[in-house]
Amino acid sequence: LQTILSGKYDNYIRSFARMLKEFPRRIYLRPMHEMNGFWYPWCGTVNGNRPEEFRFVWRHLRRLFAAEGAGNIAWVWSPYTTSHPTIEENAINRYFPGAKEIDVMALDGYNWGTSTKWGTWQDFGTLFTDSYKILSELSDKPIIIAETACAEQGGNKGEWIRNMLSSLPLNFPRIEAIVWFDIDKECDWRLASSPSSLQVFREMAANLFGNAG
């Protein structure tokens, strides 16, 4: 974060902004996501970083984009649903750059099930209720789930999807979109990882949104 603030990457950032502003539609840009984890170089508790530096970098990026006239950007602020490490200095709200500095708030979170030695089966509500409340209190900006998915190991993936989609209107009314991480990576996160999980998704999506194909 200190290196970004030093201006070392300003030319790169400006060139990226100029490229994006040529796109004829709105772009949802999610820089430095999951900053309350420890797995990226911009996370607030690694590389000598501090959460307040994240906020400064966020505003720095916005100023550079504005200087290049990139007005088609929606700025998406996206912490992970739980902070790692779970210390007060790493709390989600420590990274909030201010409501005027963002357009959308987002959360990432995964049900790893028992696909790892440290994983446990967690339903959608267990994953997101606490962090959704935090975001709801921070701002009235739109909320999305920018990354989520469910493993097959440790429970019923189809029922997990059913629970997720059925719980949205009642328990998460401010969530306006969900992006499913549809990749076979650490485990098979795909909706089509099994015929049953894909079928449940198709049924629920058709009921909620009409014919989803």
N, C-alpha and C. Protein backbone atom coordinates (compact mmCIF):
# COMPACT_ATOMS: atom_id res chain seq x y z
N LEU A 1 0.82 -1.20 0.00
CA LEU A 1 0.00 0.00 0.00
C LEU A 1 0.86 1.25 0.00
N GLN A 2 1.95 1.25 0.75
CA GLN A 2 2.84 2.40 0.78
C GLN A 2 3.45 2.65 -0.60
N THR A 3 3.75 1.58 -1.32
CA THR A 3 4.33 1.73 -2.65
C THR A 3 3.34 2.39 -3.61
N ILE A 4 2.08 2.00 -3.52
CA ILE A 4 1.06 2.64 -4.36
C ILE A 4 0.93 4.11 -4.00
N LEU A 5 0.91 4.40 -2.71
CA LEU A 5 0.77 5.79 -2.27
C LEU A 5 1.98 6.64 -2.69
N SER A 6 3.12 6.00 -2.88
CA SER A 6 4.31 6.75 -3.27
C SER A 6 4.22 7.29 -4.69
N GLY A 7 3.26 6.79 -5.46
CA GLY A 7 3.11 7.23 -6.84
C GLY A 7 3.83 6.35 -7.85
N LYS A 8 4.46 5.28 -7.40
CA LYS A 8 5.25 4.44 -8.30
C LYS A 8 4.40 3.88 -9.44
N TYR A 9 3.14 3.58 -9.16
CA TYR A 9 2.29 2.95 -10.17
C TYR A 9 1.29 3.92 -10.80
N ASP A 10 1.48 5.20 -10.59
CA ASP A 10 0.50 6.18 -11.09
C ASP A 10 0.34 6.11 -12.61
N ASN A 11 1.44 5.98 -13.33
CA ASN A 11 1.33 5.93 -14.79
C ASN A 11 0.54 4.71 -15.25
N TYR A 12 0.79 3.58 -14.60
CA TYR A 12 0.03 2.37 -14.93
C TYR A 12 -1.45 2.56 -14.61
N ILE A 13 -1.74 3.11 -13.45
CA ILE A 13 -3.13 3.31 -13.05
C ILE A 13 -3.83 4.28 -14.01
N ARG A 14 -3.16 5.32 -14.38
CA ARG A 14 -3.74 6.29 -15.32
C ARG A 14 -4.00 5.65 -16.69
N SER A 15 -3.07 4.83 -17.16
CA SER A 15 -3.27 4.18 -18.46
C SER A 15 -4.43 3.20 -18.41
N PHE A 16 -4.59 2.52 -17.28
CA PHE A 16 -5.72 1.60 -17.10
C PHE A 16 -7.03 2.38 -17.09
N ALA A 17 -7.04 3.52 -16.42
CA ALA A 17 -8.24 4.36 -16.40
C ALA A 17 -8.61 4.84 -17.79
N ARG A 18 -7.60 5.25 -18.57
CA ARG A 18 -7.88 5.71 -19.93
C ARG A 18 -8.44 4.58 -20.79
N MET A 19 -7.96 3.37 -20.59
CA MET A 19 -8.47 2.23 -21.33
C MET A 19 -9.93 1.95 -20.97
N LEU A 20 -10.23 1.97 -19.67
CA LEU A 20 -11.59 1.64 -19.23
C LEU A 20 -12.60 2.70 -19.65
N LYS A 21 -12.19 3.94 -19.71
CA LYS A 21 -13.16 4.99 -20.04
C LYS A 21 -13.63 4.89 -21.48
N GLU A 22 -12.91 4.14 -22.33
CA GLU A 22 -13.33 3.95 -23.71
C GLU A 22 -14.42 2.89 -23.84
N PHE A 23 -14.63 2.11 -22.80
CA PHE A 23 -15.67 1.08 -22.86
C PHE A 23 -17.04 1.75 -22.83
N PRO A 24 -17.96 1.37 -23.73
CA PRO A 24 -19.20 2.13 -23.88
C PRO A 24 -20.27 1.83 -22.84
N ARG A 25 -19.95 1.07 -21.82
CA ARG A 25 -20.93 0.75 -20.79
C ARG A 25 -20.33 0.99 -19.41
N ARG A 26 -21.17 0.86 -18.41
CA ARG A 26 -20.73 1.05 -17.03
C ARG A 26 -19.88 -0.15 -16.61
N ILE A 27 -18.79 0.11 -15.92
CA ILE A 27 -17.88 -0.92 -15.44
C ILE A 27 -17.90 -0.93 -13.92
N TYR A 28 -18.10 -2.09 -13.34
CA TYR A 28 -18.04 -2.25 -11.89
C TYR A 28 -16.63 -2.70 -11.52
N LEU A 29 -15.87 -1.78 -10.96
CA LEU A 29 -14.46 -2.00 -10.65
C LEU A 29 -14.31 -2.31 -9.17
N ARG A 30 -13.67 -3.43 -8.87
CA ARG A 30 -13.55 -3.91 -7.48
C ARG A 30 -12.07 -4.01 -7.11
N PRO A 31 -11.42 -2.88 -6.87
CA PRO A 31 -9.99 -2.92 -6.58
C PRO A 31 -9.69 -3.39 -5.15
N MET A 32 -8.59 -4.10 -5.00
CA MET A 32 -8.06 -4.48 -3.68
C MET A 32 -9.10 -5.18 -2.83
N HIS A 33 -9.78 -6.17 -3.43
CA HIS A 33 -10.84 -6.88 -2.74
C HIS A 33 -10.26 -7.77 -1.62
N GLU A 34 -11.13 -8.14 -0.68
CA GLU A 34 -10.78 -9.02 0.44
C GLU A 34 -9.59 -8.48 1.23
N MET A 35 -9.60 -7.17 1.41
CA MET A 35 -8.48 -6.49 2.07
C MET A 35 -8.35 -6.87 3.55
N ASN A 36 -9.40 -7.43 4.13
CA ASN A 36 -9.36 -7.84 5.53
C ASN A 36 -8.91 -9.28 5.70
N GLY A 37 -8.35 -9.87 4.64
CA GLY A 37 -7.71 -11.17 4.74
C GLY A 37 -6.21 -11.01 4.87
N PHE A 38 -5.48 -12.10 4.53
CA PHE A 38 -4.02 -12.03 4.60
C PHE A 38 -3.37 -12.56 3.33
N TRP A 39 -4.18 -12.88 2.30
CA TRP A 39 -3.68 -13.62 1.15
C TRP A 39 -3.34 -12.75 -0.06
N TYR A 40 -3.53 -11.44 0.02
CA TYR A 40 -3.14 -10.54 -1.08
C TYR A 40 -2.15 -9.51 -0.56
N PRO A 41 -1.29 -8.99 -1.43
CA PRO A 41 -0.27 -8.03 -0.96
C PRO A 41 -0.85 -6.71 -0.47
N TRP A 42 -2.11 -6.41 -0.81
CA TRP A 42 -2.72 -5.16 -0.35
C TRP A 42 -3.51 -5.35 0.95
N CYS A 43 -3.57 -6.57 1.49
CA CYS A 43 -4.32 -6.79 2.72
C CYS A 43 -3.72 -5.96 3.86
N GLY A 44 -4.58 -5.56 4.79
CA GLY A 44 -4.20 -4.55 5.76
C GLY A 44 -3.29 -4.99 6.88
N THR A 45 -3.04 -6.32 7.01
CA THR A 45 -2.18 -6.78 8.10
C THR A 45 -0.94 -7.49 7.58
N VAL A 46 -0.60 -7.33 6.29
CA VAL A 46 0.61 -7.94 5.72
C VAL A 46 1.47 -6.84 5.10
N ASN A 47 2.73 -7.17 4.83
CA ASN A 47 3.65 -6.26 4.12
C ASN A 47 3.80 -4.90 4.79
N GLY A 48 3.60 -4.85 6.09
CA GLY A 48 3.69 -3.58 6.79
C GLY A 48 2.52 -2.65 6.55
N ASN A 49 1.44 -3.19 5.97
CA ASN A 49 0.26 -2.37 5.67
C ASN A 49 -0.54 -2.06 6.93
N ARG A 50 -1.37 -1.02 6.82
CA ARG A 50 -2.32 -0.67 7.86
C ARG A 50 -3.67 -0.36 7.21
N PRO A 51 -4.78 -0.64 7.89
CA PRO A 51 -6.09 -0.38 7.29
C PRO A 51 -6.28 1.07 6.83
N GLU A 52 -5.74 2.03 7.58
CA GLU A 52 -5.92 3.42 7.17
C GLU A 52 -5.20 3.70 5.85
N GLU A 53 -4.12 2.98 5.59
CA GLU A 53 -3.43 3.14 4.31
C GLU A 53 -4.29 2.62 3.16
N PHE A 54 -5.05 1.57 3.42
CA PHE A 54 -5.97 1.09 2.40
C PHE A 54 -6.95 2.20 2.02
N ARG A 55 -7.48 2.90 2.99
CA ARG A 55 -8.42 3.97 2.71
C ARG A 55 -7.76 5.09 1.90
N PHE A 56 -6.52 5.41 2.26
CA PHE A 56 -5.80 6.44 1.51
C PHE A 56 -5.56 5.99 0.05
N VAL A 57 -5.19 4.73 -0.14
CA VAL A 57 -4.95 4.22 -1.49
C VAL A 57 -6.24 4.25 -2.30
N TRP A 58 -7.34 3.87 -1.69
CA TRP A 58 -8.63 3.88 -2.39
C TRP A 58 -8.93 5.29 -2.93
N ARG A 59 -8.75 6.27 -2.09
CA ARG A 59 -9.02 7.65 -2.52
C ARG A 59 -8.01 8.11 -3.57
N HIS A 60 -6.79 7.64 -3.45
CA HIS A 60 -5.76 7.94 -4.44
C HIS A 60 -6.17 7.40 -5.81
N LEU A 61 -6.62 6.16 -5.85
CA LEU A 61 -7.07 5.56 -7.11
C LEU A 61 -8.21 6.36 -7.72
N ARG A 62 -9.14 6.74 -6.89
CA ARG A 62 -10.29 7.49 -7.40
C ARG A 62 -9.87 8.84 -7.97
N ARG A 63 -8.95 9.49 -7.34
CA ARG A 63 -8.48 10.78 -7.85
C ARG A 63 -7.79 10.62 -9.21
N LEU A 64 -7.00 9.56 -9.35
CA LEU A 64 -6.33 9.34 -10.62
C LEU A 64 -7.32 9.02 -11.73
N PHE A 65 -8.32 8.21 -11.43
CA PHE A 65 -9.34 7.90 -12.43
C PHE A 65 -10.12 9.15 -12.82
N ALA A 66 -10.45 9.96 -11.83
CA ALA A 66 -11.18 11.19 -12.11
C ALA A 66 -10.35 12.12 -12.99
N ALA A 67 -9.06 12.18 -12.74
CA ALA A 67 -8.19 13.04 -13.53
C ALA A 67 -8.13 12.61 -14.99
N GLU A 68 -8.36 11.32 -15.24
CA GLU A 68 -8.35 10.80 -16.61
C GLU A 68 -9.74 10.80 -17.24
N GLY A 69 -10.74 11.29 -16.49
CA GLY A 69 -12.09 11.39 -17.04
C GLY A 69 -12.83 10.08 -17.16
N ALA A 70 -12.45 9.09 -16.34
CA ALA A 70 -13.12 7.78 -16.38
C ALA A 70 -14.38 7.83 -15.53
N GLY A 71 -15.44 8.38 -16.11
CA GLY A 71 -16.68 8.56 -15.37
C GLY A 71 -17.65 7.42 -15.47
N ASN A 72 -17.28 6.35 -16.16
CA ASN A 72 -18.17 5.20 -16.34
C ASN A 72 -17.90 4.09 -15.32
N ILE A 73 -17.17 4.42 -14.27
CA ILE A 73 -16.78 3.42 -13.27
C ILE A 73 -17.71 3.46 -12.06
N ALA A 74 -18.21 2.30 -11.68
CA ALA A 74 -18.88 2.12 -10.39
C ALA A 74 -17.87 1.46 -9.45
N TRP A 75 -17.56 2.13 -8.36
CA TRP A 75 -16.51 1.67 -7.45
C TRP A 75 -17.12 0.71 -6.43
N VAL A 76 -16.60 -0.53 -6.45
CA VAL A 76 -17.14 -1.61 -5.62
C VAL A 76 -16.15 -1.91 -4.49
N TRP A 77 -16.56 -1.64 -3.28
CA TRP A 77 -15.75 -1.90 -2.08
C TRP A 77 -16.13 -3.27 -1.55
N SER A 78 -15.15 -4.19 -1.43
CA SER A 78 -15.49 -5.60 -1.26
C SER A 78 -14.62 -6.32 -0.24
N PRO A 79 -14.96 -6.27 1.04
CA PRO A 79 -14.25 -7.08 2.03
C PRO A 79 -14.69 -8.55 1.98
N TYR A 80 -13.90 -9.40 2.62
CA TYR A 80 -14.31 -10.79 2.82
C TYR A 80 -15.32 -10.82 3.97
N THR A 81 -16.17 -11.82 3.98
CA THR A 81 -17.27 -11.84 4.94
C THR A 81 -16.79 -11.99 6.39
N THR A 82 -15.62 -12.58 6.59
CA THR A 82 -15.00 -12.66 7.92
C THR A 82 -13.56 -12.18 7.82
N SER A 83 -13.09 -11.51 8.86
CA SER A 83 -11.74 -10.98 8.85
C SER A 83 -10.74 -12.02 9.33
N HIS A 84 -9.60 -12.07 8.67
CA HIS A 84 -8.52 -12.98 9.03
C HIS A 84 -7.21 -12.20 8.97
N PRO A 85 -6.57 -11.99 10.11
CA PRO A 85 -6.90 -12.48 11.45
C PRO A 85 -8.08 -11.74 12.06
N THR A 86 -8.70 -12.41 13.04
CA THR A 86 -9.89 -11.84 13.68
C THR A 86 -9.48 -10.97 14.86
N ILE A 87 -8.89 -9.84 14.52
CA ILE A 87 -8.48 -8.87 15.53
C ILE A 87 -9.17 -7.54 15.23
N GLU A 88 -9.32 -6.72 16.24
CA GLU A 88 -10.05 -5.47 16.08
C GLU A 88 -9.41 -4.58 15.02
N GLU A 89 -8.09 -4.58 14.95
CA GLU A 89 -7.41 -3.75 13.96
C GLU A 89 -7.75 -4.14 12.52
N ASN A 90 -8.24 -5.38 12.35
CA ASN A 90 -8.55 -5.90 11.02
C ASN A 90 -10.05 -5.97 10.75
N ALA A 91 -10.85 -5.30 11.56
CA ALA A 91 -12.30 -5.34 11.39
C ALA A 91 -12.72 -4.71 10.07
N ILE A 92 -13.82 -5.18 9.51
CA ILE A 92 -14.29 -4.72 8.21
C ILE A 92 -14.42 -3.20 8.17
N ASN A 93 -15.02 -2.63 9.21
CA ASN A 93 -15.29 -1.19 9.17
C ASN A 93 -14.02 -0.34 9.16
N ARG A 94 -12.88 -0.92 9.55
CA ARG A 94 -11.62 -0.17 9.53
C ARG A 94 -11.19 0.18 8.10
N TYR A 95 -11.72 -0.53 7.13
CA TYR A 95 -11.31 -0.33 5.73
C TYR A 95 -12.31 0.51 4.94
N PHE A 96 -13.37 0.95 5.57
CA PHE A 96 -14.41 1.67 4.85
C PHE A 96 -13.92 3.06 4.47
N PRO A 97 -13.85 3.39 3.18
CA PRO A 97 -13.28 4.68 2.78
C PRO A 97 -14.26 5.84 2.86
N GLY A 98 -15.52 5.56 3.19
CA GLY A 98 -16.54 6.59 3.25
C GLY A 98 -17.58 6.41 2.16
N ALA A 99 -18.81 6.71 2.47
CA ALA A 99 -19.91 6.48 1.53
C ALA A 99 -19.74 7.27 0.24
N LYS A 100 -19.13 8.45 0.32
CA LYS A 100 -18.93 9.27 -0.88
C LYS A 100 -17.88 8.70 -1.81
N GLU A 101 -17.09 7.77 -1.31
CA GLU A 101 -15.99 7.21 -2.09
C GLU A 101 -16.35 5.90 -2.78
N ILE A 102 -17.55 5.38 -2.56
CA ILE A 102 -17.94 4.10 -3.14
C ILE A 102 -19.28 4.24 -3.83
N ASP A 103 -19.57 3.29 -4.71
CA ASP A 103 -20.89 3.21 -5.35
C ASP A 103 -21.64 1.96 -4.94
N VAL A 104 -20.91 0.91 -4.65
CA VAL A 104 -21.51 -0.38 -4.30
C VAL A 104 -20.67 -0.99 -3.18
N MET A 105 -21.33 -1.65 -2.23
CA MET A 105 -20.66 -2.45 -1.23
C MET A 105 -20.84 -3.93 -1.59
N ALA A 106 -19.81 -4.72 -1.35
CA ALA A 106 -19.86 -6.13 -1.73
C ALA A 106 -19.25 -6.99 -0.63
N LEU A 107 -19.58 -8.27 -0.68
CA LEU A 107 -18.99 -9.25 0.23
C LEU A 107 -18.59 -10.49 -0.58
N ASP A 108 -17.50 -11.10 -0.16
CA ASP A 108 -17.08 -12.39 -0.68
C ASP A 108 -17.18 -13.40 0.45
N GLY A 109 -17.56 -14.63 0.12
CA GLY A 109 -17.59 -15.67 1.14
C GLY A 109 -17.91 -17.02 0.53
N TYR A 110 -17.28 -18.06 1.05
CA TYR A 110 -17.42 -19.40 0.49
C TYR A 110 -17.75 -20.42 1.58
N ASN A 111 -18.57 -21.41 1.22
CA ASN A 111 -18.77 -22.57 2.07
C ASN A 111 -17.80 -23.66 1.62
N TRP A 112 -16.69 -23.78 2.34
CA TRP A 112 -15.67 -24.76 1.99
C TRP A 112 -16.08 -26.18 2.37
N GLY A 113 -17.11 -26.31 3.21
CA GLY A 113 -17.50 -27.64 3.67
C GLY A 113 -16.32 -28.34 4.31
N THR A 114 -16.15 -29.61 3.97
CA THR A 114 -15.02 -30.38 4.49
C THR A 114 -14.00 -30.64 3.39
N SER A 115 -13.95 -29.75 2.40
CA SER A 115 -12.99 -29.91 1.30
C SER A 115 -11.57 -29.60 1.75
N THR A 116 -11.42 -28.96 2.92
CA THR A 116 -10.11 -28.68 3.51
C THR A 116 -10.09 -29.22 4.93
N LYS A 117 -8.90 -29.31 5.50
CA LYS A 117 -8.76 -29.81 6.87
C LYS A 117 -9.39 -28.85 7.87
N TRP A 118 -9.39 -27.55 7.54
CA TRP A 118 -9.90 -26.54 8.48
C TRP A 118 -11.35 -26.16 8.21
N GLY A 119 -11.93 -26.67 7.13
CA GLY A 119 -13.27 -26.23 6.73
C GLY A 119 -14.39 -26.90 7.50
N THR A 120 -15.51 -26.22 7.61
CA THR A 120 -16.74 -26.78 8.15
C THR A 120 -17.90 -26.34 7.27
N TRP A 121 -18.97 -27.09 7.32
CA TRP A 121 -20.14 -26.76 6.51
C TRP A 121 -20.85 -25.54 7.10
N GLN A 122 -21.04 -24.51 6.29
CA GLN A 122 -21.71 -23.29 6.73
C GLN A 122 -22.78 -22.91 5.72
N ASP A 123 -23.99 -22.68 6.18
CA ASP A 123 -25.02 -22.25 5.25
C ASP A 123 -24.84 -20.77 4.90
N PHE A 124 -25.62 -20.31 3.96
CA PHE A 124 -25.46 -18.94 3.46
C PHE A 124 -25.66 -17.92 4.58
N GLY A 125 -26.65 -18.15 5.42
CA GLY A 125 -26.91 -17.23 6.52
C GLY A 125 -25.75 -17.16 7.50
N THR A 126 -25.18 -18.30 7.83
CA THR A 126 -24.04 -18.33 8.74
C THR A 126 -22.87 -17.56 8.16
N LEU A 127 -22.67 -17.68 6.85
CA LEU A 127 -21.56 -16.99 6.20
C LEU A 127 -21.72 -15.48 6.19
N PHE A 128 -22.94 -15.00 5.93
CA PHE A 128 -23.09 -13.60 5.57
C PHE A 128 -23.91 -12.73 6.53
N THR A 129 -24.61 -13.29 7.49
CA THR A 129 -25.49 -12.47 8.31
C THR A 129 -24.74 -11.36 9.04
N ASP A 130 -23.66 -11.68 9.72
CA ASP A 130 -22.96 -10.67 10.52
C ASP A 130 -22.36 -9.57 9.64
N SER A 131 -21.71 -9.96 8.55
CA SER A 131 -21.07 -8.96 7.69
C SER A 131 -22.11 -8.14 6.93
N TYR A 132 -23.22 -8.75 6.57
CA TYR A 132 -24.31 -8.01 5.93
C TYR A 132 -24.83 -6.92 6.87
N LYS A 133 -24.94 -7.23 8.13
CA LYS A 133 -25.39 -6.24 9.12
C LYS A 133 -24.39 -5.10 9.21
N ILE A 134 -23.09 -5.42 9.21
CA ILE A 134 -22.06 -4.38 9.29
C ILE A 134 -22.17 -3.45 8.09
N LEU A 135 -22.28 -4.00 6.90
CA LEU A 135 -22.38 -3.16 5.71
C LEU A 135 -23.66 -2.33 5.72
N SER A 136 -24.75 -2.92 6.18
CA SER A 136 -26.02 -2.20 6.22
C SER A 136 -25.94 -0.99 7.13
N GLU A 137 -25.14 -1.08 8.18
CA GLU A 137 -24.99 0.03 9.11
C GLU A 137 -23.98 1.07 8.63
N LEU A 138 -23.07 0.68 7.75
CA LEU A 138 -22.06 1.60 7.25
C LEU A 138 -22.62 2.59 6.24
N SER A 139 -23.56 2.13 5.39
CA SER A 139 -24.03 2.98 4.30
C SER A 139 -25.33 2.44 3.74
N ASP A 140 -26.06 3.30 3.04
CA ASP A 140 -27.28 2.86 2.34
C ASP A 140 -27.00 2.56 0.87
N LYS A 141 -25.72 2.45 0.49
CA LYS A 141 -25.37 2.09 -0.88
C LYS A 141 -25.79 0.65 -1.18
N PRO A 142 -25.99 0.32 -2.46
CA PRO A 142 -26.37 -1.06 -2.83
C PRO A 142 -25.37 -2.08 -2.32
N ILE A 143 -25.87 -3.27 -2.01
CA ILE A 143 -25.04 -4.38 -1.55
C ILE A 143 -25.15 -5.53 -2.54
N ILE A 144 -24.02 -6.13 -2.89
CA ILE A 144 -24.01 -7.34 -3.71
C ILE A 144 -23.11 -8.39 -3.05
N ILE A 145 -23.28 -9.62 -3.46
CA ILE A 145 -22.31 -10.67 -3.15
C ILE A 145 -21.43 -10.80 -4.38
N ALA A 146 -20.16 -10.40 -4.26
CA ALA A 146 -19.27 -10.37 -5.42
C ALA A 146 -18.64 -11.72 -5.71
N GLU A 147 -18.52 -12.56 -4.70
CA GLU A 147 -18.02 -13.93 -4.89
C GLU A 147 -18.66 -14.83 -3.86
N THR A 148 -19.22 -15.93 -4.31
CA THR A 148 -19.63 -16.98 -3.40
C THR A 148 -19.72 -18.29 -4.17
N ALA A 149 -19.68 -19.38 -3.43
CA ALA A 149 -19.86 -20.71 -4.01
C ALA A 149 -19.87 -21.70 -2.86
N CYS A 150 -20.17 -22.94 -3.20
CA CYS A 150 -20.30 -24.00 -2.19
C CYS A 150 -19.58 -25.25 -2.67
N ALA A 151 -18.85 -25.89 -1.76
CA ALA A 151 -18.22 -27.17 -2.07
C ALA A 151 -19.26 -28.28 -2.03
N GLU A 152 -18.91 -29.42 -2.58
CA GLU A 152 -19.77 -30.61 -2.51
C GLU A 152 -19.56 -31.37 -1.21
N GLN A 153 -18.35 -31.31 -0.66
CA GLN A 153 -17.99 -32.15 0.48
C GLN A 153 -18.55 -31.61 1.79
N GLY A 154 -19.19 -32.46 2.54
CA GLY A 154 -19.62 -32.10 3.89
C GLY A 154 -21.08 -31.80 4.05
N GLY A 155 -21.85 -31.80 2.98
CA GLY A 155 -23.28 -31.50 3.08
C GLY A 155 -23.95 -31.63 1.73
N ASN A 156 -25.14 -31.06 1.63
CA ASN A 156 -25.93 -31.14 0.40
C ASN A 156 -25.84 -29.80 -0.33
N LYS A 157 -25.09 -29.79 -1.42
CA LYS A 157 -24.86 -28.54 -2.15
C LYS A 157 -26.15 -28.00 -2.76
N GLY A 158 -26.99 -28.89 -3.27
CA GLY A 158 -28.26 -28.44 -3.84
C GLY A 158 -29.12 -27.72 -2.81
N GLU A 159 -29.18 -28.26 -1.61
CA GLU A 159 -29.97 -27.62 -0.57
C GLU A 159 -29.32 -26.32 -0.11
N TRP A 160 -27.99 -26.25 -0.17
CA TRP A 160 -27.30 -25.00 0.16
C TRP A 160 -27.73 -23.91 -0.81
N ILE A 161 -27.77 -24.23 -2.09
CA ILE A 161 -28.20 -23.26 -3.10
C ILE A 161 -29.65 -22.86 -2.88
N ARG A 162 -30.48 -23.84 -2.57
CA ARG A 162 -31.90 -23.55 -2.32
C ARG A 162 -32.06 -22.60 -1.13
N ASN A 163 -31.31 -22.88 -0.07
CA ASN A 163 -31.35 -22.03 1.11
C ASN A 163 -30.89 -20.62 0.80
N MET A 164 -29.82 -20.50 0.02
CA MET A 164 -29.28 -19.19 -0.34
C MET A 164 -30.34 -18.35 -1.05
N LEU A 165 -30.92 -18.90 -2.09
CA LEU A 165 -31.84 -18.13 -2.91
C LEU A 165 -33.17 -17.86 -2.20
N SER A 166 -33.61 -18.79 -1.38
CA SER A 166 -34.88 -18.58 -0.68
C SER A 166 -34.75 -17.63 0.49
N SER A 167 -33.51 -17.47 1.01
CA SER A 167 -33.31 -16.60 2.18
C SER A 167 -33.14 -15.13 1.79
N LEU A 168 -32.85 -14.85 0.53
CA LEU A 168 -32.54 -13.48 0.13
C LEU A 168 -33.66 -12.50 0.43
N PRO A 169 -34.90 -12.73 -0.02
CA PRO A 169 -35.94 -11.71 0.18
C PRO A 169 -36.22 -11.42 1.65
N LEU A 170 -36.18 -12.44 2.48
CA LEU A 170 -36.55 -12.27 3.89
C LEU A 170 -35.41 -11.75 4.74
N ASN A 171 -34.23 -12.33 4.58
CA ASN A 171 -33.12 -12.04 5.48
C ASN A 171 -32.07 -11.09 4.92
N PHE A 172 -32.04 -10.94 3.61
CA PHE A 172 -31.01 -10.10 2.97
C PHE A 172 -31.65 -9.22 1.90
N PRO A 173 -32.63 -8.41 2.26
CA PRO A 173 -33.39 -7.68 1.25
C PRO A 173 -32.57 -6.66 0.47
N ARG A 174 -31.44 -6.24 0.99
CA ARG A 174 -30.64 -5.22 0.29
C ARG A 174 -29.65 -5.81 -0.71
N ILE A 175 -29.51 -7.12 -0.75
CA ILE A 175 -28.62 -7.73 -1.72
C ILE A 175 -29.27 -7.68 -3.09
N GLU A 176 -28.60 -7.01 -4.02
CA GLU A 176 -29.17 -6.78 -5.35
C GLU A 176 -28.61 -7.72 -6.42
N ALA A 177 -27.52 -8.39 -6.13
CA ALA A 177 -26.93 -9.30 -7.12
C ALA A 177 -26.02 -10.29 -6.41
N ILE A 178 -25.89 -11.47 -6.99
CA ILE A 178 -24.95 -12.49 -6.50
C ILE A 178 -24.13 -12.97 -7.68
N VAL A 179 -22.81 -12.98 -7.51
CA VAL A 179 -21.90 -13.51 -8.52
C VAL A 179 -21.37 -14.85 -8.01
N TRP A 180 -21.71 -15.92 -8.72
CA TRP A 180 -21.27 -17.26 -8.33
C TRP A 180 -19.89 -17.54 -8.93
N PHE A 181 -18.97 -18.03 -8.10
CA PHE A 181 -17.60 -18.33 -8.54
C PHE A 181 -17.61 -19.69 -9.22
N ASP A 182 -17.94 -19.70 -10.51
CA ASP A 182 -18.25 -20.94 -11.23
C ASP A 182 -17.01 -21.56 -11.85
N ILE A 183 -16.08 -21.96 -11.00
CA ILE A 183 -14.78 -22.47 -11.44
C ILE A 183 -14.40 -23.70 -10.62
N ASP A 184 -13.79 -24.67 -11.28
CA ASP A 184 -13.20 -25.82 -10.61
C ASP A 184 -11.77 -25.43 -10.25
N LYS A 185 -11.57 -25.01 -9.00
CA LYS A 185 -10.27 -24.47 -8.60
C LYS A 185 -9.79 -25.20 -7.36
N GLU A 186 -9.88 -24.56 -6.16
CA GLU A 186 -9.48 -25.25 -4.93
C GLU A 186 -10.31 -26.51 -4.72
N CYS A 187 -11.57 -26.40 -5.08
CA CYS A 187 -12.46 -27.55 -5.19
C CYS A 187 -13.43 -27.21 -6.33
N ASP A 188 -14.37 -28.09 -6.60
CA ASP A 188 -15.28 -27.84 -7.71
C ASP A 188 -16.42 -26.94 -7.25
N TRP A 189 -16.21 -25.63 -7.44
CA TRP A 189 -17.21 -24.65 -7.01
C TRP A 189 -18.39 -24.54 -7.97
N ARG A 190 -18.31 -25.13 -9.13
CA ARG A 190 -19.28 -24.87 -10.18
C ARG A 190 -20.71 -25.27 -9.78
N LEU A 191 -21.67 -24.53 -10.32
CA LEU A 191 -23.07 -24.90 -10.12
C LEU A 191 -23.33 -26.28 -10.67
N ALA A 192 -22.62 -26.66 -11.72
CA ALA A 192 -22.80 -27.97 -12.36
C ALA A 192 -21.81 -29.01 -11.84
N SER A 193 -21.33 -28.84 -10.61
CA SER A 193 -20.42 -29.83 -10.05
C SER A 193 -21.11 -31.18 -9.85
N SER A 194 -22.43 -31.16 -9.76
CA SER A 194 -23.23 -32.38 -9.71
C SER A 194 -24.56 -32.10 -10.39
N PRO A 195 -25.21 -33.12 -10.95
CA PRO A 195 -26.52 -32.89 -11.57
C PRO A 195 -27.55 -32.32 -10.60
N SER A 196 -27.47 -32.75 -9.34
CA SER A 196 -28.47 -32.29 -8.36
C SER A 196 -28.32 -30.81 -8.04
N SER A 197 -27.08 -30.33 -7.90
CA SER A 197 -26.89 -28.91 -7.58
C SER A 197 -27.33 -28.03 -8.76
N LEU A 198 -27.03 -28.46 -9.97
CA LEU A 198 -27.45 -27.68 -11.14
C LEU A 198 -28.96 -27.67 -11.27
N GLN A 199 -29.60 -28.78 -11.00
CA GLN A 199 -31.05 -28.85 -11.11
C GLN A 199 -31.73 -27.93 -10.10
N VAL A 200 -31.23 -27.93 -8.87
CA VAL A 200 -31.82 -27.05 -7.85
C VAL A 200 -31.66 -25.60 -8.26
N PHE A 201 -30.48 -25.23 -8.76
CA PHE A 201 -30.28 -23.85 -9.19
C PHE A 201 -31.26 -23.48 -10.30
N ARG A 202 -31.42 -24.35 -11.28
CA ARG A 202 -32.33 -24.06 -12.39
C ARG A 202 -33.76 -23.88 -11.89
N GLU A 203 -34.17 -24.74 -10.98
CA GLU A 203 -35.53 -24.64 -10.45
C GLU A 203 -35.73 -23.35 -9.67
N MET A 204 -34.77 -23.03 -8.79
CA MET A 204 -34.90 -21.83 -7.97
C MET A 204 -34.81 -20.57 -8.81
N ALA A 205 -33.90 -20.55 -9.77
CA ALA A 205 -33.75 -19.37 -10.61
C ALA A 205 -35.02 -19.15 -11.44
N ALA A 206 -35.61 -20.23 -11.94
CA ALA A 206 -36.84 -20.10 -12.72
C ALA A 206 -37.97 -19.56 -11.86
N ASN A 207 -38.04 -20.03 -10.61
CA ASN A 207 -39.10 -19.56 -9.71
C ASN A 207 -38.92 -18.09 -9.33
N LEU A 208 -37.66 -17.69 -9.13
CA LEU A 208 -37.40 -16.33 -8.67
C LEU A 208 -37.35 -15.31 -9.80
N PHE A 209 -36.77 -15.72 -10.93
CA PHE A 209 -36.45 -14.75 -11.98
C PHE A 209 -37.08 -15.06 -13.33
N GLY A 210 -37.90 -16.10 -13.40
CA GLY A 210 -38.44 -16.50 -14.70
C GLY A 210 -37.52 -17.53 -15.35
N ASN A 211 -37.71 -17.77 -16.59
CA ASN A 211 -36.94 -18.81 -17.30
C ASN A 211 -35.48 -18.41 -17.39
N ALA A 212 -34.63 -19.11 -16.65
CA ALA A 212 -33.20 -18.78 -16.62
C ALA A 212 -32.38 -19.62 -17.59
N GLY A 213 -33.02 -20.58 -18.29
CA GLY A 213 -32.27 -21.38 -19.24
C GLY A 213 -31.57 -22.54 -18.56
